[in-house]
Protein backbone atom coordinates (compact mmCIF):
# COMPACT_ATOMS: atom_id res chain seq x y z
CA MET A 1 -11.04 -2.45 -3.67
CA GLU A 2 -7.71 -1.74 -5.22
CA ARG A 3 -5.93 -4.90 -6.32
CA PRO A 4 -2.17 -5.15 -5.96
CA PHE A 5 0.06 -4.66 -8.97
CA ARG A 6 3.56 -3.50 -9.70
CA ASP A 7 4.86 -1.51 -12.63
CA ALA A 8 7.76 -3.82 -13.31
CA ARG A 9 10.46 -3.21 -15.87
CA PRO A 10 8.94 -4.22 -19.21
CA GLY A 11 10.03 -7.72 -19.97
CA ARG A 12 8.66 -8.79 -16.60
CA PRO A 13 4.99 -9.06 -15.56
CA PHE A 14 3.23 -5.86 -14.56
CA ASP A 15 1.48 -7.45 -11.62
CA LYS A 16 1.71 -10.24 -9.12
CA THR A 17 -1.03 -12.23 -10.85
CA GLN A 18 0.92 -12.71 -14.06
CA GLY A 19 1.98 -16.28 -14.77
CA ARG A 20 0.71 -17.76 -11.50
CA GLY A 21 -2.15 -20.00 -10.45
CA ARG A 22 -3.79 -22.79 -12.36
CA ASN A 23 -4.65 -22.61 -16.03
CA ALA A 24 -7.47 -20.23 -16.80
CA ARG A 25 -10.83 -21.89 -17.35
CA PRO A 26 -13.79 -20.53 -19.34
CA ARG A 27 -16.50 -19.21 -17.05
CA HIS A 28 -19.06 -21.79 -18.23
CA GLU A 29 -16.93 -24.58 -16.70
CA ARG A 30 -17.12 -23.08 -13.20
CA PRO A 31 -19.86 -24.03 -10.70
CA PRO A 32 -22.43 -21.37 -9.76
CA ALA A 33 -21.01 -18.79 -7.36
CA LYS A 34 -22.27 -18.36 -3.84
CA PRO A 35 -22.91 -14.88 -2.40
CA HIS A 36 -19.62 -13.17 -1.54
CA ALA A 37 -17.72 -16.06 -3.16
CA THR A 38 -15.19 -13.58 -4.53
CA SER A 39 -14.75 -11.59 -1.32
CA TRP A 40 -11.14 -10.90 -0.32
CA GLU A 41 -11.96 -11.65 3.32
CA LYS A 42 -9.37 -14.45 3.63
CA SER A 43 -6.62 -12.22 2.22
CA ALA A 44 -7.65 -8.98 3.92
CA GLY A 45 -4.68 -8.79 6.31
CA TRP A 46 -2.12 -9.52 3.60
CA TYR A 47 -3.80 -7.07 1.22
CA ASP A 48 -3.82 -4.29 3.79
CA ARG A 49 -0.10 -4.77 4.47
CA ILE A 50 0.57 -4.22 0.76
CA ILE A 51 -1.86 -1.37 0.01
CA GLY A 52 -2.23 0.32 3.39
CA GLU A 53 -3.85 3.66 4.11
CA ARG A 54 -2.75 5.54 0.97
CA GLY A 55 -2.53 2.89 -1.75
CA SER A 56 0.39 2.09 -4.02
CA GLU A 57 2.52 4.76 -5.68
CA LEU A 58 0.84 4.29 -9.08
CA TYR A 59 -2.53 4.47 -7.37
CA ARG A 60 -1.60 7.85 -5.91
CA THR A 61 0.07 9.31 -9.03
CA VAL A 62 -2.05 7.85 -11.84
CA VAL A 63 -5.30 6.21 -10.73
CA ILE A 64 -6.71 8.63 -8.15
CA PRO A 65 -6.03 11.87 -10.09
CA SER A 66 -7.48 10.44 -13.31
CA ALA A 67 -10.58 8.99 -11.66
CA LEU A 68 -11.31 12.21 -9.77
CA ASP A 69 -10.83 14.27 -12.91
CA MET A 70 -13.29 12.10 -14.84
CA LEU A 71 -15.91 11.87 -12.08
CA ARG A 72 -15.52 15.48 -10.90
CA PRO A 73 -17.36 15.09 -7.58
CA ALA A 74 -18.98 18.32 -6.46
CA ARG A 75 -19.13 19.45 -2.86
CA GLY A 76 -22.09 17.88 -1.13
CA GLU A 77 -22.78 15.24 -3.79
CA ARG A 78 -23.63 11.74 -2.57
CA VAL A 79 -21.11 9.23 -3.96
CA LEU A 80 -21.02 5.43 -3.59
CA ASP A 81 -17.58 3.76 -3.82
CA LEU A 82 -17.89 0.08 -4.79
CA GLY A 83 -15.26 -2.42 -3.69
CA CYS A 84 -13.80 0.24 -1.43
CA GLY A 85 -11.34 -2.04 0.39
CA GLN A 86 -9.46 0.02 2.98
CA GLY A 87 -11.16 3.17 1.72
CA VAL A 88 -8.28 4.78 -0.21
CA PHE A 89 -10.47 6.24 -2.96
CA SER A 90 -13.39 6.80 -0.59
CA ARG A 91 -11.23 9.19 1.42
CA ALA A 92 -10.04 10.94 -1.75
CA LEU A 93 -13.68 11.51 -2.70
CA ALA A 94 -14.45 12.81 0.78
CA ASP A 95 -11.47 15.17 0.62
CA ALA A 96 -12.98 16.55 -2.60
CA GLY A 97 -16.11 17.46 -0.65
CA ALA A 98 -18.43 14.55 -1.45
CA GLN A 99 -20.65 12.70 1.02
CA VAL A 100 -19.23 9.20 0.59
CA THR A 101 -20.48 5.70 1.27
CA GLY A 102 -17.94 2.90 0.71
CA VAL A 103 -19.03 -0.72 0.35
CA ASP A 104 -17.02 -3.94 0.20
CA ALA A 105 -17.83 -7.64 0.52
CA SER A 106 -14.98 -8.16 3.00
CA ARG A 107 -15.95 -7.44 6.60
CA THR A 108 -12.31 -7.17 7.67
CA LEU A 109 -11.47 -4.61 5.00
CA VAL A 110 -14.55 -2.55 5.92
CA THR A 111 -13.43 -2.64 9.56
CA THR A 112 -9.93 -1.57 8.50
CA ALA A 113 -11.32 1.30 6.44
CA ARG A 114 -13.17 2.61 9.48
CA LYS A 115 -9.93 2.65 11.48
CA TYR A 116 -8.00 4.81 9.02
CA PRO A 117 -8.31 8.54 9.72
CA SER A 118 -10.34 10.74 7.39
CA ARG A 119 -10.63 14.52 7.46
CA THR A 120 -14.23 14.13 6.30
CA PRO A 121 -16.41 11.31 7.70
CA VAL A 122 -17.04 8.34 5.37
CA ARG A 123 -19.76 5.73 5.88
CA TYR A 124 -18.47 2.18 5.30
CA LEU A 125 -20.78 -0.83 4.87
CA GLU A 126 -20.25 -4.54 4.26
CA ARG A 127 -22.22 -5.07 1.07
CA ASP A 128 -22.04 -7.14 -2.12
CA ALA A 129 -21.87 -4.83 -5.15
CA ALA A 130 -24.57 -6.87 -6.89
CA HIS A 131 -26.95 -6.47 -3.93
CA LEU A 132 -26.99 -2.82 -2.88
CA GLY A 133 -30.49 -3.06 -1.42
CA ASP A 134 -31.99 0.17 -0.16
CA LEU A 135 -28.87 2.30 -0.62
CA GLY A 136 -29.25 5.45 -2.68
CA PRO A 137 -30.06 7.51 -4.49
CA PHE A 138 -26.54 8.67 -5.34
CA ASP A 139 -25.29 11.42 -7.61
CA ALA A 140 -22.22 9.41 -8.63
CA LEU A 141 -20.60 5.99 -8.23
CA SER A 142 -17.03 4.72 -8.49
CA ALA A 143 -15.53 1.28 -9.04
CA ILE A 144 -11.75 1.49 -8.81
CA LEU A 145 -9.64 -1.59 -9.62
CA CYS A 146 -12.29 -3.99 -8.37
CA LEU A 147 -14.48 -4.99 -11.32
CA GLN A 148 -12.06 -7.69 -12.45
CA ASN A 149 -12.78 -9.43 -9.14
CA MET A 150 -16.59 -9.28 -9.45
CA GLU A 151 -18.16 -12.31 -11.09
CA HIS A 152 -21.67 -11.13 -11.95
CA LEU A 153 -21.00 -7.86 -13.76
CA PRO A 154 -24.47 -7.50 -15.38
CA GLU A 155 -26.06 -7.80 -11.93
CA VAL A 156 -23.58 -5.27 -10.53
CA CYS A 157 -24.40 -2.81 -13.32
CA ALA A 158 -28.14 -3.29 -12.77
CA ALA A 159 -27.74 -2.69 -9.03
CA CYS A 160 -25.72 0.44 -9.73
CA ALA A 161 -28.32 1.79 -12.14
CA ARG A 162 -31.02 1.33 -9.51
CA VAL A 163 -29.21 3.43 -6.90
CA LEU A 164 -27.89 6.05 -9.35
CA ARG A 165 -30.15 9.03 -9.89
CA PRO A 166 -31.24 9.86 -13.48
CA GLY A 167 -28.42 11.80 -15.09
CA GLY A 168 -25.93 10.51 -12.52
CA ARG A 169 -22.51 9.18 -13.49
CA MET A 170 -20.19 6.33 -12.64
CA VAL A 171 -16.45 5.91 -13.20
CA TRP A 172 -14.68 2.59 -13.64
CA VAL A 173 -10.94 2.06 -13.51
CA LEU A 174 -9.71 -1.46 -14.20
CA ASN A 175 -6.63 -3.30 -15.37
CA HIS A 176 -6.60 -2.78 -19.12
CA PRO A 177 -8.49 -5.78 -20.56
CA CYS A 178 -6.52 -5.69 -23.83
CA PHE A 179 -3.02 -5.75 -22.36
CA ARG A 180 -3.12 -7.04 -18.77
CA ILE A 181 -4.67 -10.51 -18.78
CA PRO A 182 -3.26 -12.84 -16.11
CA ARG A 183 -1.56 -15.86 -17.69
CA GLN A 184 -2.58 -14.67 -21.16
CA SER A 185 -0.33 -11.60 -21.64
CA SER A 186 3.39 -11.07 -21.14
CA TRP A 187 6.39 -8.98 -22.20
CA GLY A 188 8.91 -9.96 -24.84
CA HIS A 189 12.07 -8.33 -26.15
CA GLU A 190 13.26 -8.29 -29.75
CA GLU A 191 17.00 -7.70 -29.67
CA GLU A 192 17.41 -7.03 -33.39
CA ARG A 193 14.91 -4.14 -33.38
CA LYS A 194 15.66 -3.11 -29.78
CA ILE A 195 11.99 -3.10 -28.83
CA GLN A 196 9.80 -4.45 -26.07
CA TYR A 197 6.54 -5.93 -27.26
CA ARG A 198 3.38 -7.17 -25.58
CA ARG A 199 2.34 -10.74 -26.28
CA LEU A 200 -1.33 -11.76 -26.06
CA ASP A 201 -2.33 -15.42 -26.06
CA ALA A 202 -6.09 -14.84 -25.62
CA TYR A 203 -8.49 -11.93 -25.41
CA ALA A 204 -12.04 -12.41 -26.74
CA SER A 205 -13.12 -15.32 -24.51
CA PRO A 206 -14.43 -14.66 -20.99
CA MET A 207 -12.12 -16.26 -18.44
CA SER A 208 -12.11 -16.88 -14.71
CA ILE A 209 -8.48 -17.10 -13.63
CA PRO A 210 -7.48 -18.39 -10.18
CA ILE A 211 -4.76 -16.27 -8.61
CA VAL A 212 -2.54 -17.73 -5.88
CA MET A 213 -2.27 -15.06 -3.20
CA HIS A 214 0.88 -16.41 -1.51
CA PRO A 215 3.02 -18.19 -4.13
CA GLY A 216 5.33 -20.74 -2.54
CA LYS A 217 3.21 -21.01 0.61
CA ALA A 218 1.55 -24.37 1.23
CA GLU A 219 -2.26 -24.29 1.01
CA SER A 220 -2.34 -20.63 -0.02
CA GLU A 221 -5.83 -19.28 -0.67
CA THR A 222 -6.74 -18.08 -4.13
CA THR A 223 -8.87 -15.29 -5.51
CA ILE A 224 -10.45 -15.08 -8.95
CA SER A 225 -9.71 -12.57 -11.69
CA PHE A 226 -12.49 -12.35 -14.28
CA HIS A 227 -11.31 -11.33 -17.73
CA ARG A 228 -13.84 -9.70 -20.06
CA SER A 229 -13.37 -8.19 -23.49
CA LEU A 230 -14.27 -4.57 -24.16
CA HIS A 231 -17.45 -5.82 -25.82
CA ASP A 232 -18.51 -7.81 -22.75
CA LEU A 233 -17.64 -5.00 -20.35
CA CYS A 234 -19.67 -2.47 -22.30
CA ALA A 235 -22.56 -4.86 -22.95
CA ALA A 236 -23.07 -5.31 -19.20
CA ALA A 237 -23.33 -1.55 -18.69
CA PHE A 238 -25.47 -0.94 -21.78
CA SER A 239 -27.95 -3.60 -20.65
CA ALA A 240 -28.45 -1.65 -17.40
CA GLY A 241 -29.31 1.54 -19.31
CA LEU A 242 -25.94 3.23 -18.85
CA VAL A 243 -24.43 5.40 -21.58
CA LEU A 244 -20.70 5.67 -22.22
CA ALA A 245 -19.68 9.29 -21.70
CA GLY A 246 -15.88 9.13 -21.51
CA LEU A 247 -12.85 6.87 -21.95
CA ARG A 248 -9.19 7.16 -21.01
CA GLU A 249 -6.28 4.75 -21.24
CA LEU A 250 -3.82 5.34 -18.41
CA VAL A 251 -0.11 4.66 -18.80
CA SER A 252 2.54 4.31 -16.14
CA ASP A 253 4.55 7.34 -15.09
CA LYS A 254 7.57 5.23 -14.15
CA GLN A 255 10.98 5.48 -15.83
CA SER A 256 13.62 2.73 -16.04
CA GLU A 257 17.04 3.13 -14.53
CA PRO A 258 19.75 3.77 -17.16
CA GLY A 259 20.70 0.58 -18.95
CA PRO A 260 20.81 -1.13 -22.35
CA ARG A 261 17.04 -1.68 -22.43
CA ALA A 262 15.88 1.49 -20.69
CA ARG A 263 14.82 3.29 -23.87
CA ALA A 264 12.79 0.31 -25.11
CA GLU A 265 11.23 -0.18 -21.68
CA ASN A 266 10.18 3.46 -21.36
CA ARG A 267 8.73 3.44 -24.87
CA ALA A 268 6.77 0.27 -24.08
CA ARG A 269 5.29 1.85 -20.96
CA ALA A 270 4.03 4.77 -23.01
CA GLU A 271 2.60 2.51 -25.72
CA PHE A 272 0.78 -0.10 -23.63
CA PRO A 273 -1.66 1.33 -21.05
CA LEU A 274 -1.82 -0.15 -17.58
CA PHE A 275 -5.42 0.83 -16.91
CA LEU A 276 -8.68 1.56 -18.70
CA ALA A 277 -10.97 4.25 -17.27
CA LEU A 278 -14.60 4.50 -18.41
CA LEU A 279 -17.18 7.13 -17.48
CA TRP A 280 -20.85 6.11 -17.59
CA GLU A 281 -24.06 8.10 -17.24
CA ARG A 282 -27.54 6.90 -16.40
CA ARG A 283 -30.15 7.97 -18.87
CA ALA A 284 -32.50 10.60 -17.46
């Protein structure tokens, strides 16, 4: 499912997860996860109020067009949309002519997706992305802004490879793992050089980072953001027999209002990508 973010003025966090929650802990310190432990079921209502039927502005102007252009779904192809949430990308795939199945671990979000109108029917199922069962085969798969919320990525990749036909393809879009790490990345401004810069405090280590969903609210539930390096992301896909066939780094299309830092902010947006998009193929 799409996770909320905002393209703030550089110098502030890009997304609502930045600088909140408890200190990040290495994954090996966390207890074993239960099935659906990372489902957004408890936050489904709040999430739907933020994202809604069409997704955020950046989702509509940057994420969807880029993902569709990389995946290039053909009319009549069978496509599986992982972590579909309210079905924003599922409906975009269906509008492109694909026969779409959307899956999400949250029952409430799946129910919400079914309620939103779609010009072309979409099948929505409550399903863990690591346990796709008898679904498939599919010509293509998509995972849009959801992988950072899935704990067992190697198992997810293996499940995807099993339901993807030989020669099929899969597109990922995720928060850029080099520049958007909750609690470990932030903006800074150097007045002397009139530049915005991106600060990184950690990158190579896998991290599970609790995110407070309602800051300031007593007993707010949390979700988990799993940070992985490029090496770890690719290793999970390679181990499932997937081959990297394409890569794009997606920048924001926003522009700052006129002001003393506008030029530096706009330059920073163009230099530091918001998202990473990867295209995979299953070996024939």
